[in-house]
Amino acid sequence: MCIAVPGQIIDISNKDAIVSIMDVETTVNIQLINKPKIGDYVLVHAGCAIEKLDQVYFNDLSDIFKSILDEDESIDE
């Protein structure tokens, strides 16, 4: 199973960007995104930004991922 995660572009260098995904910074390829800029919300899959997101959808997805992680932590207890 593959999954894409929401993130925010915080820096751009040529064809790559530093993206913050749940407070973890990672480098992703941004060649599939039209006119990427710092502050854009993107969907990241397999090291590539594959789609721009609006802020509302980004917030919704982020909340879903956080709740999944919170549930997973409560199972381990």
PDB file of N, CA and C in Angstrom:
ATOM      1  N   MET A   1       0.839  -1.178   0.000  1.00  0.00           N
ATOM      2  CA  MET A   1       0.000   0.000   0.000  1.00  0.00           C
ATOM      3  C   MET A   1       0.882   1.239   0.000  1.00  0.00           C
ATOM      4  N   CYS A   2       0.557   2.180  -0.850  1.00  0.00           N
ATOM      5  CA  CYS A   2       1.285   3.445  -0.925  1.00  0.00           C
ATOM      6  C   CYS A   2       0.377   4.558  -0.430  1.00  0.00           C
ATOM      7  N   ILE A   3       0.993   5.570   0.153  1.00  0.00           N
ATOM      8  CA  ILE A   3       0.210   6.668   0.693  1.00  0.00           C
ATOM      9  C   ILE A   3       0.937   7.977   0.428  1.00  0.00           C
ATOM     10  N   ALA A   4       0.191   9.017   0.179  1.00  0.00           N
ATOM     11  CA  ALA A   4       0.751  10.357   0.003  1.00  0.00           C
ATOM     12  C   ALA A   4       0.432  11.165   1.252  1.00  0.00           C
ATOM     13  N   VAL A   5       1.352  12.037   1.632  1.00  0.00           N
ATOM     14  CA  VAL A   5       1.186  12.812   2.861  1.00  0.00           C
ATOM     15  C   VAL A   5       1.247  14.311   2.565  1.00  0.00           C
ATOM     16  N   PRO A   6       0.523  15.105   3.344  1.00  0.00           N
ATOM     17  CA  PRO A   6       0.525  16.552   3.127  1.00  0.00           C
ATOM     18  C   PRO A   6       1.741  17.208   3.766  1.00  0.00           C
ATOM     19  N   GLY A   7       2.254  18.239   3.096  1.00  0.00           N
ATOM     20  CA  GLY A   7       3.383  18.988   3.628  1.00  0.00           C
ATOM     21  C   GLY A   7       3.357  20.418   3.115  1.00  0.00           C
ATOM     22  N   GLN A   8       4.261  21.234   3.656  1.00  0.00           N
ATOM     23  CA  GLN A   8       4.351  22.627   3.237  1.00  0.00           C
ATOM     24  C   GLN A   8       5.774  22.933   2.797  1.00  0.00           C
ATOM     25  N   ILE A   9       5.899  23.572   1.633  1.00  0.00           N
ATOM     26  CA  ILE A   9       7.217  23.949   1.110  1.00  0.00           C
ATOM     27  C   ILE A   9       7.789  25.067   1.966  1.00  0.00           C
ATOM     28  N   ILE A  10       9.014  24.853   2.477  1.00  0.00           N
ATOM     29  CA  ILE A  10       9.643  25.889   3.294  1.00  0.00           C
ATOM     30  C   ILE A  10      10.905  26.457   2.650  1.00  0.00           C
ATOM     31  N   ASP A  11      11.429  25.796   1.621  1.00  0.00           N
ATOM     32  CA  ASP A  11      12.586  26.314   0.890  1.00  0.00           C
ATOM     33  C   ASP A  11      12.644  25.625  -0.467  1.00  0.00           C
ATOM     34  N   ILE A  12      13.154  26.336  -1.470  1.00  0.00           N
ATOM     35  CA  ILE A  12      13.262  25.780  -2.819  1.00  0.00           C
ATOM     36  C   ILE A  12      14.677  25.967  -3.328  1.00  0.00           C
ATOM     37  N   SER A  13      15.202  24.902  -3.967  1.00  0.00           N
ATOM     38  CA  SER A  13      16.524  24.946  -4.585  1.00  0.00           C
ATOM     39  C   SER A  13      16.471  24.146  -5.879  1.00  0.00           C
ATOM     40  N   ASN A  14      16.403  24.861  -7.004  1.00  0.00           N
ATOM     41  CA  ASN A  14      16.319  24.237  -8.327  1.00  0.00           C
ATOM     42  C   ASN A  14      15.101  23.337  -8.448  1.00  0.00           C
ATOM     43  N   LYS A  15      15.315  22.045  -8.626  1.00  0.00           N
ATOM     44  CA  LYS A  15      14.218  21.094  -8.846  1.00  0.00           C
ATOM     45  C   LYS A  15      13.743  20.424  -7.563  1.00  0.00           C
ATOM     46  N   ASP A  16      14.313  20.813  -6.433  1.00  0.00           N
ATOM     47  CA  ASP A  16      13.966  20.219  -5.141  1.00  0.00           C
ATOM     48  C   ASP A  16      13.463  21.283  -4.179  1.00  0.00           C
ATOM     49  N   ALA A  17      12.768  20.821  -3.163  1.00  0.00           N
ATOM     50  CA  ALA A  17      12.296  21.711  -2.111  1.00  0.00           C
ATOM     51  C   ALA A  17      12.438  21.011  -0.770  1.00  0.00           C
ATOM     52  N   ILE A  18      12.621  21.807   0.266  1.00  0.00           N
ATOM     53  CA  ILE A  18      12.520  21.299   1.627  1.00  0.00           C
ATOM     54  C   ILE A  18      11.057  21.447   2.010  1.00  0.00           C
ATOM     55  N   VAL A  19      10.458  20.327   2.401  1.00  0.00           N
ATOM     56  CA  VAL A  19       9.040  20.305   2.754  1.00  0.00           C
ATOM     57  C   VAL A  19       8.911  19.841   4.199  1.00  0.00           C
ATOM     58  N   SER A  20       8.089  20.541   4.950  1.00  0.00           N
ATOM     59  CA  SER A  20       7.800  20.159   6.327  1.00  0.00           C
ATOM     60  C   SER A  20       6.569  19.264   6.322  1.00  0.00           C
ATOM     61  N   ILE A  21       6.773  18.023   6.774  1.00  0.00           N
ATOM     62  CA  ILE A  21       5.687  17.052   6.873  1.00  0.00           C
ATOM     63  C   ILE A  21       5.556  16.670   8.342  1.00  0.00           C
ATOM     64  N   MET A  22       4.490  17.111   8.977  1.00  0.00           N
ATOM     65  CA  MET A  22       4.258  16.860  10.403  1.00  0.00           C
ATOM     66  C   MET A  22       5.495  17.215  11.224  1.00  0.00           C
ATOM     67  N   ASP A  23       6.036  18.400  10.961  1.00  0.00           N
ATOM     68  CA  ASP A  23       7.196  18.959  11.669  1.00  0.00           C
ATOM     69  C   ASP A  23       8.509  18.245  11.387  1.00  0.00           C
ATOM     70  N   VAL A  24       8.551  17.413  10.369  1.00  0.00           N
ATOM     71  CA  VAL A  24       9.790  16.769   9.933  1.00  0.00           C
ATOM     72  C   VAL A  24      10.132  17.326   8.558  1.00  0.00           C
ATOM     73  N   GLU A  25      11.357  17.852   8.412  1.00  0.00           N
ATOM     74  CA  GLU A  25      11.767  18.414   7.136  1.00  0.00           C
ATOM     75  C   GLU A  25      12.411  17.353   6.260  1.00  0.00           C
ATOM     76  N   THR A  26      12.006  17.333   4.987  1.00  0.00           N
ATOM     77  CA  THR A  26      12.556  16.375   4.040  1.00  0.00           C
ATOM     78  C   THR A  26      12.692  17.041   2.675  1.00  0.00           C
ATOM     79  N   THR A  27      13.599  16.527   1.870  1.00  0.00           N
ATOM     80  CA  THR A  27      13.800  17.049   0.525  1.00  0.00           C
ATOM     81  C   THR A  27      12.948  16.256  -0.452  1.00  0.00           C
ATOM     82  N   VAL A  28      12.195  16.972  -1.279  1.00  0.00           N
ATOM     83  CA  VAL A  28      11.351  16.320  -2.282  1.00  0.00           C
ATOM     84  C   VAL A  28      11.554  16.977  -3.639  1.00  0.00           C
ATOM     85  N   ASN A  29      11.317  16.213  -4.687  1.00  0.00           N
ATOM     86  CA  ASN A  29      11.377  16.725  -6.047  1.00  0.00           C
ATOM     87  C   ASN A  29      10.078  17.490  -6.320  1.00  0.00           C
ATOM     88  N   ILE A  30      10.199  18.662  -6.957  1.00  0.00           N
ATOM     89  CA  ILE A  30       9.015  19.492  -7.207  1.00  0.00           C
ATOM     90  C   ILE A  30       8.749  19.700  -8.702  1.00  0.00           C
ATOM     91  N   GLN A  31       9.333  18.884  -9.547  1.00  0.00           N
ATOM     92  CA  GLN A  31       9.173  19.063 -10.986  1.00  0.00           C
ATOM     93  C   GLN A  31       7.750  18.811 -11.487  1.00  0.00           C
ATOM     94  N   LEU A  32       6.935  18.078 -10.736  1.00  0.00           N
ATOM     95  CA  LEU A  32       5.569  17.796 -11.170  1.00  0.00           C
ATOM     96  C   LEU A  32       4.585  18.904 -10.791  1.00  0.00           C
ATOM     97  N   ILE A  33       5.050  19.881 -10.024  1.00  0.00           N
ATOM     98  CA  ILE A  33       4.185  20.954  -9.537  1.00  0.00           C
ATOM     99  C   ILE A  33       4.353  22.190 -10.426  1.00  0.00           C
ATOM    100  N   ASN A  34       3.239  22.800 -10.794  1.00  0.00           N
ATOM    101  CA  ASN A  34       3.261  24.005 -11.613  1.00  0.00           C
ATOM    102  C   ASN A  34       3.570  25.227 -10.745  1.00  0.00           C
ATOM    103  N   LYS A  35       4.688  25.878 -11.029  1.00  0.00           N
ATOM    104  CA  LYS A  35       5.110  27.109 -10.349  1.00  0.00           C
ATOM    105  C   LYS A  35       5.094  26.984  -8.822  1.00  0.00           C
ATOM    106  N   PRO A  36       5.859  26.045  -8.273  1.00  0.00           N
ATOM    107  CA  PRO A  36       5.893  25.910  -6.811  1.00  0.00           C
ATOM    108  C   PRO A  36       6.547  27.121  -6.159  1.00  0.00           C
ATOM    109  N   LYS A  37       6.051  27.463  -4.978  1.00  0.00           N
ATOM    110  CA  LYS A  37       6.661  28.567  -4.244  1.00  0.00           C
ATOM    111  C   LYS A  37       6.643  28.264  -2.747  1.00  0.00           C
ATOM    112  N   ILE A  38       7.507  28.950  -2.026  1.00  0.00           N
ATOM    113  CA  ILE A  38       7.577  28.777  -0.578  1.00  0.00           C
ATOM    114  C   ILE A  38       6.205  29.109   0.020  1.00  0.00           C
ATOM    115  N   GLY A  39       5.752  28.238   0.911  1.00  0.00           N
ATOM    116  CA  GLY A  39       4.460  28.414   1.554  1.00  0.00           C
ATOM    117  C   GLY A  39       3.363  27.552   0.947  1.00  0.00           C
ATOM    118  N   ASP A  40       3.602  27.029  -0.263  1.00  0.00           N
ATOM    119  CA  ASP A  40       2.600  26.155  -0.891  1.00  0.00           C
ATOM    120  C   ASP A  40       2.414  24.881  -0.080  1.00  0.00           C
ATOM    121  N   TYR A  41       1.172  24.405  -0.055  1.00  0.00           N
ATOM    122  CA  TYR A  41       0.852  23.113   0.547  1.00  0.00           C
ATOM    123  C   TYR A  41       0.831  22.086  -0.581  1.00  0.00           C
ATOM    124  N   VAL A  42       1.489  20.943  -0.358  1.00  0.00           N
ATOM    125  CA  VAL A  42       1.604  19.931  -1.403  1.00  0.00           C
ATOM    126  C   VAL A  42       1.336  18.542  -0.836  1.00  0.00           C
ATOM    127  N   LEU A  43       1.006  17.638  -1.740  1.00  0.00           N
ATOM    128  CA  LEU A  43       0.856  16.230  -1.419  1.00  0.00           C
ATOM    129  C   LEU A  43       2.127  15.544  -1.879  1.00  0.00           C
ATOM    130  N   VAL A  44       2.780  14.791  -0.981  1.00  0.00           N
ATOM    131  CA  VAL A  44       4.075  14.174  -1.271  1.00  0.00           C
ATOM    132  C   VAL A  44       3.929  12.659  -1.309  1.00  0.00           C
ATOM    133  N   HIS A  45       4.454  12.075  -2.385  1.00  0.00           N
ATOM    134  CA  HIS A  45       4.437  10.620  -2.552  1.00  0.00           C
ATOM    135  C   HIS A  45       5.758  10.187  -3.174  1.00  0.00           C
ATOM    136  N   ALA A  46       6.405   9.218  -2.559  1.00  0.00           N
ATOM    137  CA  ALA A  46       7.646   8.627  -3.085  1.00  0.00           C
ATOM    138  C   ALA A  46       8.703   9.683  -3.391  1.00  0.00           C
ATOM    139  N   GLY A  47       8.825  10.670  -2.512  1.00  0.00           N
ATOM    140  CA  GLY A  47       9.865  11.676  -2.669  1.00  0.00           C
ATOM    141  C   GLY A  47       9.561  12.767  -3.669  1.00  0.00           C
ATOM    142  N   CYS A  48       8.316  12.827  -4.150  1.00  0.00           N
ATOM    143  CA  CYS A  48       7.917  13.847  -5.127  1.00  0.00           C
ATOM    144  C   CYS A  48       6.654  14.560  -4.657  1.00  0.00           C
ATOM    145  N   ALA A  49       6.635  15.874  -4.854  1.00  0.00           N
ATOM    146  CA  ALA A  49       5.404  16.619  -4.649  1.00  0.00           C
ATOM    147  C   ALA A  49       4.543  16.359  -5.882  1.00  0.00           C
ATOM    148  N   ILE A  50       3.340  15.829  -5.688  1.00  0.00           N
ATOM    149  CA  ILE A  50       2.531  15.411  -6.831  1.00  0.00           C
ATOM    150  C   ILE A  50       1.313  16.297  -7.073  1.00  0.00           C
ATOM    151  N   GLU A  51       0.986  17.154  -6.104  1.00  0.00           N
ATOM    152  CA  GLU A  51      -0.200  17.996  -6.259  1.00  0.00           C
ATOM    153  C   GLU A  51      -0.156  19.132  -5.255  1.00  0.00           C
ATOM    154  N   LYS A  52      -0.612  20.324  -5.671  1.00  0.00           N
ATOM    155  CA  LYS A  52      -0.792  21.422  -4.736  1.00  0.00           C
ATOM    156  C   LYS A  52      -2.123  21.228  -4.014  1.00  0.00           C
ATOM    157  N   LEU A  53      -2.162  21.665  -2.748  1.00  0.00           N
ATOM    158  CA  LEU A  53      -3.376  21.577  -1.938  1.00  0.00           C
ATOM    159  C   LEU A  53      -3.763  22.971  -1.466  1.00  0.00           C
ATOM    160  N   ASP A  54      -5.073  23.201  -1.281  1.00  0.00           N
ATOM    161  CA  ASP A  54      -5.456  24.448  -0.631  1.00  0.00           C
ATOM    162  C   ASP A  54      -5.323  24.252   0.883  1.00  0.00           C
ATOM    163  N   GLN A  55      -5.333  25.355   1.616  1.00  0.00           N
ATOM    164  CA  GLN A  55      -5.061  25.282   3.055  1.00  0.00           C
ATOM    165  C   GLN A  55      -6.110  24.473   3.812  1.00  0.00           C
ATOM    166  N   VAL A  56      -7.364  24.580   3.419  1.00  0.00           N
ATOM    167  CA  VAL A  56      -8.428  23.844   4.118  1.00  0.00           C
ATOM    168  C   VAL A  56      -8.211  22.337   3.975  1.00  0.00           C
ATOM    169  N   TYR A  57      -7.956  21.881   2.745  1.00  0.00           N
ATOM    170  CA  TYR A  57      -7.732  20.450   2.512  1.00  0.00           C
ATOM    171  C   TYR A  57      -6.459  19.983   3.212  1.00  0.00           C
ATOM    172  N   PHE A  58      -5.410  20.814   3.183  1.00  0.00           N
ATOM    173  CA  PHE A  58      -4.169  20.492   3.891  1.00  0.00           C
ATOM    174  C   PHE A  58      -4.448  20.291   5.375  1.00  0.00           C
ATOM    175  N   ASN A  59      -5.191  21.213   5.974  1.00  0.00           N
ATOM    176  CA  ASN A  59      -5.501  21.114   7.410  1.00  0.00           C
ATOM    177  C   ASN A  59      -6.303  19.856   7.715  1.00  0.00           C
ATOM    178  N   ASP A  60      -7.287  19.550   6.855  1.00  0.00           N
ATOM    179  CA  ASP A  60      -8.090  18.338   7.057  1.00  0.00           C
ATOM    180  C   ASP A  60      -7.224  17.083   7.001  1.00  0.00           C
ATOM    181  N   LEU A  61      -6.378  16.987   5.980  1.00  0.00           N
ATOM    182  CA  LEU A  61      -5.499  15.808   5.864  1.00  0.00           C
ATOM    183  C   LEU A  61      -4.533  15.708   7.034  1.00  0.00           C
ATOM    184  N   SER A  62      -3.967  16.831   7.434  1.00  0.00           N
ATOM    185  CA  SER A  62      -3.034  16.833   8.564  1.00  0.00           C
ATOM    186  C   SER A  62      -3.720  16.340   9.836  1.00  0.00           C
ATOM    187  N   ASP A  63      -4.942  16.794  10.059  1.00  0.00           N
ATOM    188  CA  ASP A  63      -5.698  16.348  11.239  1.00  0.00           C
ATOM    189  C   ASP A  63      -5.963  14.846  11.192  1.00  0.00           C
ATOM    190  N   ILE A  64      -6.285  14.334  10.016  1.00  0.00           N
ATOM    191  CA  ILE A  64      -6.529  12.894   9.866  1.00  0.00           C
ATOM    192  C   ILE A  64      -5.269  12.101  10.210  1.00  0.00           C
ATOM    193  N   PHE A  65      -4.125  12.527   9.670  1.00  0.00           N
ATOM    194  CA  PHE A  65      -2.875  11.808   9.953  1.00  0.00           C
ATOM    195  C   PHE A  65      -2.524  11.881  11.432  1.00  0.00           C
ATOM    196  N   LYS A  66      -2.726  13.038  12.052  1.00  0.00           N
ATOM    197  CA  LYS A  66      -2.441  13.171  13.488  1.00  0.00           C
ATOM    198  C   LYS A  66      -3.334  12.253  14.312  1.00  0.00           C
ATOM    199  N   SER A  67      -4.601  12.164  13.948  1.00  0.00           N
ATOM    200  CA  SER A  67      -5.501  11.295  14.703  1.00  0.00           C
ATOM    201  C   SER A  67      -5.133   9.822  14.522  1.00  0.00           C
ATOM    202  N   ILE A  68      -4.701   9.444  13.337  1.00  0.00           N
ATOM    203  CA  ILE A  68      -4.240   8.070  13.111  1.00  0.00           C
ATOM    204  C   ILE A  68      -3.031   7.770  13.987  1.00  0.00           C
ATOM    205  N   LEU A  69      -2.092   8.694  14.039  1.00  0.00           N
ATOM    206  CA  LEU A  69      -0.896   8.488  14.868  1.00  0.00           C
ATOM    207  C   LEU A  69      -1.257   8.435  16.349  1.00  0.00           C
ATOM    208  N   ASP A  70      -2.189   9.294  16.776  1.00  0.00           N
ATOM    209  CA  ASP A  70      -2.615   9.275  18.177  1.00  0.00           C
ATOM    210  C   ASP A  70      -3.270   7.954  18.537  1.00  0.00           C
ATOM    211  N   GLU A  71      -4.108   7.418  17.639  1.00  0.00           N
ATOM    212  CA  GLU A  71      -4.751   6.127  17.895  1.00  0.00           C
ATOM    213  C   GLU A  71      -3.728   5.008  17.952  1.00  0.00           C
ATOM    214  N   ASP A  72      -2.725   5.065  17.072  1.00  0.00           N
ATOM    215  CA  ASP A  72      -1.695   4.042  17.047  1.00  0.00           C
ATOM    216  C   ASP A  72      -0.887   4.050  18.343  1.00  0.00           C
ATOM    217  N   GLU A  73      -0.597   5.234  18.887  1.00  0.00           N
ATOM    218  CA  GLU A  73       0.133   5.327  20.135  1.00  0.00           C
ATOM    219  C   GLU A  73      -0.683   4.787  21.309  1.00  0.00           C
ATOM    220  N   SER A  74      -2.001   5.002  21.293  1.00  0.00           N
ATOM    221  CA  SER A  74      -2.829   4.510  22.395  1.00  0.00           C
ATOM    222  C   SER A  74      -2.944   2.979  22.358  1.00  0.00           C
ATOM    223  N   ILE A  75      -2.839   2.387  21.193  1.00  0.00           N
ATOM    224  CA  ILE A  75      -2.859   0.923  21.075  1.00  0.00           C
ATOM    225  C   ILE A  75      -1.624   0.315  21.714  1.00  0.00           C
ATOM    226  N   ASP A  76      -0.478   1.000  21.577  1.00  0.00           N
ATOM    227  CA  ASP A  76       0.778   0.484  22.123  1.00  0.00           C
ATOM    228  C   ASP A  76       0.830   0.549  23.650  1.00  0.00           C
ATOM    229  N   GLU A  77      -0.022   1.346  24.258  1.00  0.00           N
ATOM    230  CA  GLU A  77       0.023   1.509  25.716  1.00  0.00           C
ATOM    231  C   GLU A  77      -0.621   0.385  26.458  1.00  0.00           C
TER     232      GLU A  77
END
